[in-house]
Amino acid sequence: RNAITLAPPSASPDTRCALAGFITASRRAGKHEEKIRAQSGHASNSPA
């Protein structure tokens, strides 16, 4: 519910780590990229 606000561009490394953990855990749980991106707020072409 709060992933979209976890990592604004000026976020600390710890906050970015939390978002990375959310994304990787979601993917390992079998969630699709589109749903994960909708929660994380990343663009479809985001290298990160």
All heavy atoms as atom14 arrays in JSON, in Angstrom:
{
  "sequence": "RNAITLAPPSASPDTRCALAGFITASRRAGKHEEKIRAQSGHASNSPA",
  "atom14_mask": [
    [1, 1, 1, 1, 1, 1, 1, 1, 1, 1, 1, 0, 0, 0],
    [1, 1, 1, 1, 1, 1, 1, 1, 0, 0, 0, 0, 0, 0],
    [1, 1, 1, 1, 1, 0, 0, 0, 0, 0, 0, 0, 0, 0],
    [1, 1, 1, 1, 1, 1, 1, 1, 0, 0, 0, 0, 0, 0],
    [1, 1, 1, 1, 1, 1, 1, 0, 0, 0, 0, 0, 0, 0],
    [1, 1, 1, 1, 1, 1, 1, 1, 0, 0, 0, 0, 0, 0],
    [1, 1, 1, 1, 1, 0, 0, 0, 0, 0, 0, 0, 0, 0],
    [1, 1, 1, 1, 1, 1, 1, 0, 0, 0, 0, 0, 0, 0],
    [1, 1, 1, 1, 1, 1, 1, 0, 0, 0, 0, 0, 0, 0],
    [1, 1, 1, 1, 1, 1, 0, 0, 0, 0, 0, 0, 0, 0],
    [1, 1, 1, 1, 1, 0, 0, 0, 0, 0, 0, 0, 0, 0],
    [1, 1, 1, 1, 1, 1, 0, 0, 0, 0, 0, 0, 0, 0],
    [1, 1, 1, 1, 1, 1, 1, 0, 0, 0, 0, 0, 0, 0],
    [1, 1, 1, 1, 1, 1, 1, 1, 0, 0, 0, 0, 0, 0],
    [1, 1, 1, 1, 1, 1, 1, 0, 0, 0, 0, 0, 0, 0],
    [1, 1, 1, 1, 1, 1, 1, 1, 1, 1, 1, 0, 0, 0],
    [1, 1, 1, 1, 1, 1, 0, 0, 0, 0, 0, 0, 0, 0],
    [1, 1, 1, 1, 1, 0, 0, 0, 0, 0, 0, 0, 0, 0],
    [1, 1, 1, 1, 1, 1, 1, 1, 0, 0, 0, 0, 0, 0],
    [1, 1, 1, 1, 1, 0, 0, 0, 0, 0, 0, 0, 0, 0],
    [1, 1, 1, 1, 0, 0, 0, 0, 0, 0, 0, 0, 0, 0],
    [1, 1, 1, 1, 1, 1, 1, 1, 1, 1, 1, 0, 0, 0],
    [1, 1, 1, 1, 1, 1, 1, 1, 0, 0, 0, 0, 0, 0],
    [1, 1, 1, 1, 1, 1, 1, 0, 0, 0, 0, 0, 0, 0],
    [1, 1, 1, 1, 1, 0, 0, 0, 0, 0, 0, 0, 0, 0],
    [1, 1, 1, 1, 1, 1, 0, 0, 0, 0, 0, 0, 0, 0],
    [1, 1, 1, 1, 1, 1, 1, 1, 1, 1, 1, 0, 0, 0],
    [1, 1, 1, 1, 1, 1, 1, 1, 1, 1, 1, 0, 0, 0],
    [1, 1, 1, 1, 1, 0, 0, 0, 0, 0, 0, 0, 0, 0],
    [1, 1, 1, 1, 0, 0, 0, 0, 0, 0, 0, 0, 0, 0],
    [1, 1, 1, 1, 1, 1, 1, 1, 1, 0, 0, 0, 0, 0],
    [1, 1, 1, 1, 1, 1, 1, 1, 1, 1, 0, 0, 0, 0],
    [1, 1, 1, 1, 1, 1, 1, 1, 1, 0, 0, 0, 0, 0],
    [1, 1, 1, 1, 1, 1, 1, 1, 1, 0, 0, 0, 0, 0],
    [1, 1, 1, 1, 1, 1, 1, 1, 1, 0, 0, 0, 0, 0],
    [1, 1, 1, 1, 1, 1, 1, 1, 0, 0, 0, 0, 0, 0],
    [1, 1, 1, 1, 1, 1, 1, 1, 1, 1, 1, 0, 0, 0],
    [1, 1, 1, 1, 1, 0, 0, 0, 0, 0, 0, 0, 0, 0],
    [1, 1, 1, 1, 1, 1, 1, 1, 1, 0, 0, 0, 0, 0],
    [1, 1, 1, 1, 1, 1, 0, 0, 0, 0, 0, 0, 0, 0],
    [1, 1, 1, 1, 0, 0, 0, 0, 0, 0, 0, 0, 0, 0],
    [1, 1, 1, 1, 1, 1, 1, 1, 1, 1, 0, 0, 0, 0],
    [1, 1, 1, 1, 1, 0, 0, 0, 0, 0, 0, 0, 0, 0],
    [1, 1, 1, 1, 1, 1, 0, 0, 0, 0, 0, 0, 0, 0],
    [1, 1, 1, 1, 1, 1, 1, 1, 0, 0, 0, 0, 0, 0],
    [1, 1, 1, 1, 1, 1, 0, 0, 0, 0, 0, 0, 0, 0],
    [1, 1, 1, 1, 1, 1, 1, 0, 0, 0, 0, 0, 0, 0],
    [1, 1, 1, 1, 1, 0, 0, 0, 0, 0, 0, 0, 0, 0]
  ],
  "atom14_positions": [
    [[0.82, -1.21, 0.0], [0.0, 0.0, 0.0], [0.86, 1.27, 0.0], [0.48, 2.29, -0.54], [-0.91, -0.01, 1.24], [-1.98, 1.03, 1.17], [-2.94, 0.98, 2.35], [-3.03, -0.29, 3.03], [-2.9, -0.43, 4.36], [-2.69, 0.6, 5.12], [-3.0, -1.62, 4.91], [0.0, 0.0, 0.0], [0.0, 0.0, 0.0], [0.0, 0.0, 0.0]],
    [[2.03, 1.18, 0.6], [2.87, 2.37, 0.76], [4.1, 2.36, -0.13], [4.91, 3.28, -0.05], [3.29, 2.51, 2.22], [2.11, 2.8, 3.09], [1.53, 3.87, 3.02], [1.7, 1.83, 3.88], [0.0, 0.0, 0.0], [0.0, 0.0, 0.0], [0.0, 0.0, 0.0], [0.0, 0.0, 0.0], [0.0, 0.0, 0.0], [0.0, 0.0, 0.0]],
    [[4.27, 1.37, -0.99], [5.48, 1.24, -1.78], [5.73, 2.43, -2.68], [6.86, 2.83, -2.9], [5.44, -0.04, -2.62], [0.0, 0.0, 0.0], [0.0, 0.0, 0.0], [0.0, 0.0, 0.0], [0.0, 0.0, 0.0], [0.0, 0.0, 0.0], [0.0, 0.0, 0.0], [0.0, 0.0, 0.0], [0.0, 0.0, 0.0], [0.0, 0.0, 0.0]],
    [[4.67, 3.01, -3.21], [4.85, 4.13, -4.14], [5.52, 5.31, -3.46], [6.2, 6.09, -4.1], [3.5, 4.51, -4.77], [3.72, 5.06, -6.15], [2.72, 5.47, -3.92], [2.48, 5.04, -6.99], [0.0, 0.0, 0.0], [0.0, 0.0, 0.0], [0.0, 0.0, 0.0], [0.0, 0.0, 0.0], [0.0, 0.0, 0.0], [0.0, 0.0, 0.0]],
    [[5.4, 5.44, -2.16], [6.01, 6.57, -1.44], [7.33, 6.2, -0.8], [7.95, 7.03, -0.15], [5.06, 7.1, -0.35], [4.81, 6.05, 0.59], [3.76, 7.59, -0.94], [0.0, 0.0, 0.0], [0.0, 0.0, 0.0], [0.0, 0.0, 0.0], [0.0, 0.0, 0.0], [0.0, 0.0, 0.0], [0.0, 0.0, 0.0], [0.0, 0.0, 0.0]],
    [[7.78, 4.97, -0.97], [8.99, 4.55, -0.28], [10.27, 5.16, -0.84], [11.22, 5.34, -0.11], [9.12, 3.02, -0.31], [8.19, 2.26, 0.61], [8.4, 0.76, 0.44], [8.4, 2.65, 2.05], [0.0, 0.0, 0.0], [0.0, 0.0, 0.0], [0.0, 0.0, 0.0], [0.0, 0.0, 0.0], [0.0, 0.0, 0.0], [0.0, 0.0, 0.0]],
    [[10.32, 5.43, -2.11], [11.6, 5.83, -2.68], [11.48, 7.02, -3.63], [11.64, 6.89, -4.83], [12.26, 4.67, -3.4], [0.0, 0.0, 0.0], [0.0, 0.0, 0.0], [0.0, 0.0, 0.0], [0.0, 0.0, 0.0], [0.0, 0.0, 0.0], [0.0, 0.0, 0.0], [0.0, 0.0, 0.0], [0.0, 0.0, 0.0], [0.0, 0.0, 0.0]],
    [[11.23, 8.2, -3.11], [11.3, 9.37, -3.97], [12.75, 9.57, -4.43], [13.67, 8.98, -3.85], [10.84, 10.51, -3.06], [11.09, 10.02, -1.68], [10.94, 8.53, -1.73], [0.0, 0.0, 0.0], [0.0, 0.0, 0.0], [0.0, 0.0, 0.0], [0.0, 0.0, 0.0], [0.0, 0.0, 0.0], [0.0, 0.0, 0.0], [0.0, 0.0, 0.0]],
    [[12.98, 10.36, -5.47], [14.34, 10.52, -6.0], [15.38, 10.92, -4.96], [16.54, 10.53, -5.05], [14.19, 11.62, -7.06], [12.76, 11.55, -7.45], [12.0, 11.11, -6.23], [0.0, 0.0, 0.0], [0.0, 0.0, 0.0], [0.0, 0.0, 0.0], [0.0, 0.0, 0.0], [0.0, 0.0, 0.0], [0.0, 0.0, 0.0], [0.0, 0.0, 0.0]],
    [[14.99, 11.66, -3.95], [15.95, 12.1, -2.94], [16.03, 11.13, -1.76], [16.6, 11.46, -0.73], [15.56, 13.48, -2.43], [14.27, 13.41, -1.84], [0.0, 0.0, 0.0], [0.0, 0.0, 0.0], [0.0, 0.0, 0.0], [0.0, 0.0, 0.0], [0.0, 0.0, 0.0], [0.0, 0.0, 0.0], [0.0, 0.0, 0.0], [0.0, 0.0, 0.0]],
    [[15.49, 9.94, -1.92], [15.42, 8.99, -0.81], [16.81, 8.52, -0.39], [17.75, 8.5, -1.17], [14.59, 7.78, -1.22], [0.0, 0.0, 0.0], [0.0, 0.0, 0.0], [0.0, 0.0, 0.0], [0.0, 0.0, 0.0], [0.0, 0.0, 0.0], [0.0, 0.0, 0.0], [0.0, 0.0, 0.0], [0.0, 0.0, 0.0], [0.0, 0.0, 0.0]],
    [[16.89, 8.14, 0.85], [18.15, 7.61, 1.38], [18.38, 6.21, 0.82], [17.44, 5.55, 0.36], [18.07, 7.52, 2.9], [17.16, 6.5, 3.27], [0.0, 0.0, 0.0], [0.0, 0.0, 0.0], [0.0, 0.0, 0.0], [0.0, 0.0, 0.0], [0.0, 0.0, 0.0], [0.0, 0.0, 0.0], [0.0, 0.0, 0.0], [0.0, 0.0, 0.0]],
    [[19.62, 5.74, 0.86], [19.9, 4.38, 0.39], [19.07, 3.33, 1.12], [18.65, 2.35, 0.53], [21.39, 4.21, 0.66], [21.93, 5.6, 0.63], [20.84, 6.46, 1.2], [0.0, 0.0, 0.0], [0.0, 0.0, 0.0], [0.0, 0.0, 0.0], [0.0, 0.0, 0.0], [0.0, 0.0, 0.0], [0.0, 0.0, 0.0], [0.0, 0.0, 0.0]],
    [[18.82, 3.52, 2.41], [18.02, 2.56, 3.16], [16.61, 2.46, 2.61], [16.03, 1.39, 2.53], [17.95, 2.93, 4.64], [19.29, 2.72, 5.35], [20.13, 1.97, 4.81], [19.47, 3.32, 6.41], [0.0, 0.0, 0.0], [0.0, 0.0, 0.0], [0.0, 0.0, 0.0], [0.0, 0.0, 0.0], [0.0, 0.0, 0.0], [0.0, 0.0, 0.0]],
    [[16.02, 3.59, 2.23], [14.67, 3.59, 1.68], [14.66, 2.9, 0.33], [13.76, 2.11, 0.03], [14.14, 5.02, 1.56], [14.21, 5.63, 2.84], [12.73, 5.04, 1.06], [0.0, 0.0, 0.0], [0.0, 0.0, 0.0], [0.0, 0.0, 0.0], [0.0, 0.0, 0.0], [0.0, 0.0, 0.0], [0.0, 0.0, 0.0], [0.0, 0.0, 0.0]],
    [[15.67, 3.17, -0.5], [15.74, 2.51, -1.8], [15.91, 1.0, -1.62], [15.36, 0.22, -2.38], [16.85, 3.11, -2.65], [16.49, 4.49, -3.19], [17.47, 4.99, -4.22], [18.8, 5.19, -3.7], [19.23, 6.31, -3.11], [18.41, 7.32, -2.98], [20.45, 6.41, -2.67], [0.0, 0.0, 0.0], [0.0, 0.0, 0.0], [0.0, 0.0, 0.0]],
    [[16.64, 0.59, -0.59], [16.79, -0.84, -0.32], [15.45, -1.48, 0.03], [15.17, -2.6, -0.36], [17.79, -1.07, 0.81], [19.49, -0.76, 0.34], [0.0, 0.0, 0.0], [0.0, 0.0, 0.0], [0.0, 0.0, 0.0], [0.0, 0.0, 0.0], [0.0, 0.0, 0.0], [0.0, 0.0, 0.0], [0.0, 0.0, 0.0], [0.0, 0.0, 0.0]],
    [[14.62, -0.76, 0.77], [13.29, -1.28, 1.11], [12.47, -1.47, -0.15], [11.77, -2.48, -0.3], [12.59, -0.34, 2.08], [0.0, 0.0, 0.0], [0.0, 0.0, 0.0], [0.0, 0.0, 0.0], [0.0, 0.0, 0.0], [0.0, 0.0, 0.0], [0.0, 0.0, 0.0], [0.0, 0.0, 0.0], [0.0, 0.0, 0.0], [0.0, 0.0, 0.0]],
    [[12.53, -0.52, -1.06], [11.77, -0.63, -2.31], [12.33, -1.78, -3.16], [11.56, -2.56, -3.73], [11.81, 0.68, -3.09], [10.97, 0.71, -4.35], [9.51, 0.4, -4.05], [11.08, 2.06, -5.02], [0.0, 0.0, 0.0], [0.0, 0.0, 0.0], [0.0, 0.0, 0.0], [0.0, 0.0, 0.0], [0.0, 0.0, 0.0], [0.0, 0.0, 0.0]],
    [[13.64, -1.91, -3.23], [14.25, -3.02, -3.97], [13.8, -4.35, -3.38], [13.47, -5.29, -4.12], [15.77, -2.91, -3.94], [0.0, 0.0, 0.0], [0.0, 0.0, 0.0], [0.0, 0.0, 0.0], [0.0, 0.0, 0.0], [0.0, 0.0, 0.0], [0.0, 0.0, 0.0], [0.0, 0.0, 0.0], [0.0, 0.0, 0.0], [0.0, 0.0, 0.0]],
    [[13.76, -4.43, -2.07], [13.3, -5.65, -1.41], [11.85, -5.96, -1.72], [11.48, -7.12, -1.96], [0.0, 0.0, 0.0], [0.0, 0.0, 0.0], [0.0, 0.0, 0.0], [0.0, 0.0, 0.0], [0.0, 0.0, 0.0], [0.0, 0.0, 0.0], [0.0, 0.0, 0.0], [0.0, 0.0, 0.0], [0.0, 0.0, 0.0], [0.0, 0.0, 0.0]],
    [[11.01, -4.93, -1.74], [9.6, -5.11, -2.1], [9.48, -5.66, -3.51], [8.74, -6.61, -3.76], [8.85, -3.78, -1.98], [7.54, -3.78, -2.7], [6.45, -4.47, -2.2], [7.4, -3.1, -3.9], [5.24, -4.49, -2.88], [6.19, -3.12, -4.58], [5.11, -3.81, -4.07], [0.0, 0.0, 0.0], [0.0, 0.0, 0.0], [0.0, 0.0, 0.0]],
    [[10.22, -5.07, -4.44], [10.13, -5.49, -5.85], [10.63, -6.91, -6.03], [9.96, -7.74, -6.65], [10.88, -4.5, -6.77], [10.16, -3.15, -6.76], [10.99, -5.06, -8.19], [10.95, -2.04, -7.41], [0.0, 0.0, 0.0], [0.0, 0.0, 0.0], [0.0, 0.0, 0.0], [0.0, 0.0, 0.0], [0.0, 0.0, 0.0], [0.0, 0.0, 0.0]],
    [[11.79, -7.23, -5.48], [12.34, -8.58, -5.66], [11.48, -9.62, -4.95], [11.23, -10.69, -5.5], [13.81, -8.67, -5.21], [13.92, -8.24, -3.86], [14.71, -7.84, -6.09], [0.0, 0.0, 0.0], [0.0, 0.0, 0.0], [0.0, 0.0, 0.0], [0.0, 0.0, 0.0], [0.0, 0.0, 0.0], [0.0, 0.0, 0.0], [0.0, 0.0, 0.0]],
    [[10.98, -9.31, -3.75], [10.12, -10.27, -3.04], [8.81, -10.49, -3.79], [8.32, -11.62, -3.88], [9.85, -9.78, -1.62], [0.0, 0.0, 0.0], [0.0, 0.0, 0.0], [0.0, 0.0, 0.0], [0.0, 0.0, 0.0], [0.0, 0.0, 0.0], [0.0, 0.0, 0.0], [0.0, 0.0, 0.0], [0.0, 0.0, 0.0], [0.0, 0.0, 0.0]],
    [[8.25, -9.42, -4.34], [7.02, -9.55, -5.11], [7.24, -10.42, -6.34], [6.42, -11.29, -6.66], [6.51, -8.18, -5.54], [6.17, -7.41, -4.42], [0.0, 0.0, 0.0], [0.0, 0.0, 0.0], [0.0, 0.0, 0.0], [0.0, 0.0, 0.0], [0.0, 0.0, 0.0], [0.0, 0.0, 0.0], [0.0, 0.0, 0.0], [0.0, 0.0, 0.0]],
    [[8.34, -10.19, -7.01], [8.64, -10.98, -8.22], [8.86, -12.44, -7.86], [8.36, -13.34, -8.53], [9.88, -10.39, -8.91], [10.28, -11.11, -10.15], [9.17, -11.12, -11.16], [9.66, -11.69, -12.41], [9.13, -11.47, -13.57], [8.06, -10.73, -13.66], [9.64, -12.02, -14.64], [0.0, 0.0, 0.0], [0.0, 0.0, 0.0], [0.0, 0.0, 0.0]],
    [[9.62, -12.7, -6.79], [9.86, -14.09, -6.38], [8.57, -14.78, -5.96], [8.47, -16.0, -6.03], [10.89, -14.13, -5.25], [12.28, -13.83, -5.74], [13.29, -13.83, -4.63], [14.6, -13.51, -5.15], [15.56, -12.97, -4.44], [15.37, -12.69, -3.16], [16.72, -12.7, -4.99], [0.0, 0.0, 0.0], [0.0, 0.0, 0.0], [0.0, 0.0, 0.0]],
    [[7.59, -14.0, -5.51], [6.29, -14.55, -5.15], [5.41, -14.77, -6.37], [4.26, -15.2, -6.24], [5.6, -13.62, -4.16], [0.0, 0.0, 0.0], [0.0, 0.0, 0.0], [0.0, 0.0, 0.0], [0.0, 0.0, 0.0], [0.0, 0.0, 0.0], [0.0, 0.0, 0.0], [0.0, 0.0, 0.0], [0.0, 0.0, 0.0], [0.0, 0.0, 0.0]],
    [[5.93, -14.45, -7.55], [5.2, -14.71, -8.79], [4.34, -13.58, -9.29], [3.56, -13.76, -10.21], [0.0, 0.0, 0.0], [0.0, 0.0, 0.0], [0.0, 0.0, 0.0], [0.0, 0.0, 0.0], [0.0, 0.0, 0.0], [0.0, 0.0, 0.0], [0.0, 0.0, 0.0], [0.0, 0.0, 0.0], [0.0, 0.0, 0.0], [0.0, 0.0, 0.0]],
    [[4.49, -12.39, -8.72], [3.69, -11.25, -9.18], [4.21, -10.76, -10.53], [5.39, -10.84, -10.83], [3.74, -10.1, -8.18], [3.28, -10.49, -6.79], [1.88, -11.02, -6.8], [1.44, -11.42, -5.41], [0.18, -12.12, -5.39], [0.0, 0.0, 0.0], [0.0, 0.0, 0.0], [0.0, 0.0, 0.0], [0.0, 0.0, 0.0], [0.0, 0.0, 0.0]],
    [[3.31, -10.26, -11.36], [3.67, -9.78, -12.7], [4.24, -8.37, -12.64], [3.9, -7.58, -11.76], [2.45, -9.81, -13.61], [1.95, -11.2, -13.85], [2.57, -12.08, -14.69], [0.89, -11.86, -13.32], [1.93, -13.22, -14.69], [0.9, -13.12, -13.86], [0.0, 0.0, 0.0], [0.0, 0.0, 0.0], [0.0, 0.0, 0.0], [0.0, 0.0, 0.0]],
    [[5.11, -8.07, -13.61], [5.79, -6.77, -13.64], [4.82, -5.61, -13.59], [5.07, -4.62, -12.9], [6.65, -6.61, -14.9], [7.77, -7.6, -15.04], [7.39, -8.8, -15.89], [6.3, -8.82, -16.51], [8.2, -9.75, -15.92], [0.0, 0.0, 0.0], [0.0, 0.0, 0.0], [0.0, 0.0, 0.0], [0.0, 0.0, 0.0], [0.0, 0.0, 0.0]],
    [[3.72, -5.72, -14.32], [2.77, -4.6, -14.38], [2.2, -4.27, -13.01], [2.06, -3.1, -12.64], [1.61, -4.92, -15.35], [2.04, -5.12, -16.78], [2.57, -6.54, -17.05], [2.31, -7.47, -16.26], [3.28, -6.71, -18.06], [0.0, 0.0, 0.0], [0.0, 0.0, 0.0], [0.0, 0.0, 0.0], [0.0, 0.0, 0.0], [0.0, 0.0, 0.0]],
    [[1.87, -5.3, -12.24], [1.31, -5.08, -10.91], [2.36, -4.51, -9.97], [2.08, -3.64, -9.15], [0.73, -6.37, -10.35], [-0.53, -6.77, -11.04], [-1.28, -7.79, -10.23], [-2.61, -8.01, -10.89], [-3.68, -8.04, -9.96], [0.0, 0.0, 0.0], [0.0, 0.0, 0.0], [0.0, 0.0, 0.0], [0.0, 0.0, 0.0], [0.0, 0.0, 0.0]],
    [[3.58, -5.01, -10.06], [4.65, -4.52, -9.19], [4.93, -3.06, -9.51], [5.05, -2.23, -8.6], [5.92, -5.38, -9.34], [5.64, -6.84, -8.97], [7.04, -4.8, -8.48], [6.76, -7.79, -9.34], [0.0, 0.0, 0.0], [0.0, 0.0, 0.0], [0.0, 0.0, 0.0], [0.0, 0.0, 0.0], [0.0, 0.0, 0.0], [0.0, 0.0, 0.0]],
    [[5.04, -2.72, -10.8], [5.3, -1.33, -11.2], [4.17, -0.41, -10.76], [4.41, 0.74, -10.37], [5.48, -1.22, -12.72], [6.87, -1.49, -13.18], [7.16, -0.95, -14.58], [6.01, -0.73, -15.41], [5.52, -1.61, -16.28], [6.06, -2.78, -16.43], [4.47, -1.3, -17.02], [0.0, 0.0, 0.0], [0.0, 0.0, 0.0], [0.0, 0.0, 0.0]],
    [[2.94, -0.89, -10.8], [1.81, -0.06, -10.36], [1.96, 0.32, -8.89], [1.6, 1.42, -8.49], [0.5, -0.8, -10.59], [0.0, 0.0, 0.0], [0.0, 0.0, 0.0], [0.0, 0.0, 0.0], [0.0, 0.0, 0.0], [0.0, 0.0, 0.0], [0.0, 0.0, 0.0], [0.0, 0.0, 0.0], [0.0, 0.0, 0.0], [0.0, 0.0, 0.0]],
    [[2.51, -0.59, -8.09], [2.71, -0.31, -6.67], [3.97, 0.5, -6.42], [4.01, 1.35, -5.54], [2.79, -1.61, -5.88], [1.49, -2.35, -5.8], [0.46, -1.61, -4.97], [0.75, -1.17, -3.88], [-0.73, -1.47, -5.5], [0.0, 0.0, 0.0], [0.0, 0.0, 0.0], [0.0, 0.0, 0.0], [0.0, 0.0, 0.0], [0.0, 0.0, 0.0]],
    [[5.03, 0.24, -7.19], [6.31, 0.9, -6.92], [6.41, 2.28, -7.55], [7.23, 3.09, -7.14], [7.48, 0.04, -7.41], [7.51, -0.01, -8.82], [0.0, 0.0, 0.0], [0.0, 0.0, 0.0], [0.0, 0.0, 0.0], [0.0, 0.0, 0.0], [0.0, 0.0, 0.0], [0.0, 0.0, 0.0], [0.0, 0.0, 0.0], [0.0, 0.0, 0.0]],
    [[5.58, 2.53, -8.57], [5.62, 3.83, -9.23], [6.7, 3.97, -10.28], [6.94, 5.06, -10.78], [0.0, 0.0, 0.0], [0.0, 0.0, 0.0], [0.0, 0.0, 0.0], [0.0, 0.0, 0.0], [0.0, 0.0, 0.0], [0.0, 0.0, 0.0], [0.0, 0.0, 0.0], [0.0, 0.0, 0.0], [0.0, 0.0, 0.0], [0.0, 0.0, 0.0]],
    [[7.35, 2.87, -10.67], [8.38, 2.93, -11.7], [7.76, 3.0, -13.09], [6.71, 2.42, -13.35], [9.27, 1.68, -11.63], [10.25, 1.71, -10.52], [9.97, 1.18, -9.28], [11.5, 2.2, -10.45], [11.02, 1.35, -8.5], [11.97, 1.96, -9.18], [0.0, 0.0, 0.0], [0.0, 0.0, 0.0], [0.0, 0.0, 0.0], [0.0, 0.0, 0.0]],
    [[8.43, 3.68, -13.99], [8.03, 3.73, -15.39], [8.32, 2.38, -16.04], [9.17, 1.62, -15.57], [8.8, 4.83, -16.13], [0.0, 0.0, 0.0], [0.0, 0.0, 0.0], [0.0, 0.0, 0.0], [0.0, 0.0, 0.0], [0.0, 0.0, 0.0], [0.0, 0.0, 0.0], [0.0, 0.0, 0.0], [0.0, 0.0, 0.0], [0.0, 0.0, 0.0]],
    [[7.64, 2.1, -17.13], [7.84, 0.8, -17.8], [9.25, 0.63, -18.35], [9.71, -0.49, -18.54], [6.82, 0.62, -18.92], [6.99, 1.63, -19.89], [0.0, 0.0, 0.0], [0.0, 0.0, 0.0], [0.0, 0.0, 0.0], [0.0, 0.0, 0.0], [0.0, 0.0, 0.0], [0.0, 0.0, 0.0], [0.0, 0.0, 0.0], [0.0, 0.0, 0.0]],
    [[9.95, 1.73, -18.57], [11.32, 1.66, -19.1], [12.38, 1.98, -18.03], [13.5, 2.32, -18.37], [11.48, 2.58, -20.3], [11.25, 4.05, -19.94], [10.79, 4.36, -18.84], [11.57, 4.93, -20.85], [0.0, 0.0, 0.0], [0.0, 0.0, 0.0], [0.0, 0.0, 0.0], [0.0, 0.0, 0.0], [0.0, 0.0, 0.0], [0.0, 0.0, 0.0]],
    [[12.04, 1.85, -16.76], [12.96, 2.18, -15.68], [14.1, 1.17, -15.57], [13.87, 0.0, -15.28], [12.21, 2.21, -14.35], [13.11, 2.25, -13.27], [0.0, 0.0, 0.0], [0.0, 0.0, 0.0], [0.0, 0.0, 0.0], [0.0, 0.0, 0.0], [0.0, 0.0, 0.0], [0.0, 0.0, 0.0], [0.0, 0.0, 0.0], [0.0, 0.0, 0.0]],
    [[15.36, 1.59, -15.78], [16.49, 0.67, -15.63], [16.58, 0.1, -14.22], [16.93, -1.06, -14.04], [17.71, 1.53, -15.96], [17.19, 2.69, -16.73], [15.79, 2.91, -16.24], [0.0, 0.0, 0.0], [0.0, 0.0, 0.0], [0.0, 0.0, 0.0], [0.0, 0.0, 0.0], [0.0, 0.0, 0.0], [0.0, 0.0, 0.0], [0.0, 0.0, 0.0]],
    [[16.27, 0.92, -13.21], [16.35, 0.44, -11.83], [15.33, -0.68, -11.6], [15.67, -1.72, -11.03], [16.1, 1.59, -10.86], [0.0, 0.0, 0.0], [0.0, 0.0, 0.0], [0.0, 0.0, 0.0], [0.0, 0.0, 0.0], [0.0, 0.0, 0.0], [0.0, 0.0, 0.0], [0.0, 0.0, 0.0], [0.0, 0.0, 0.0], [0.0, 0.0, 0.0]]
  ]
}
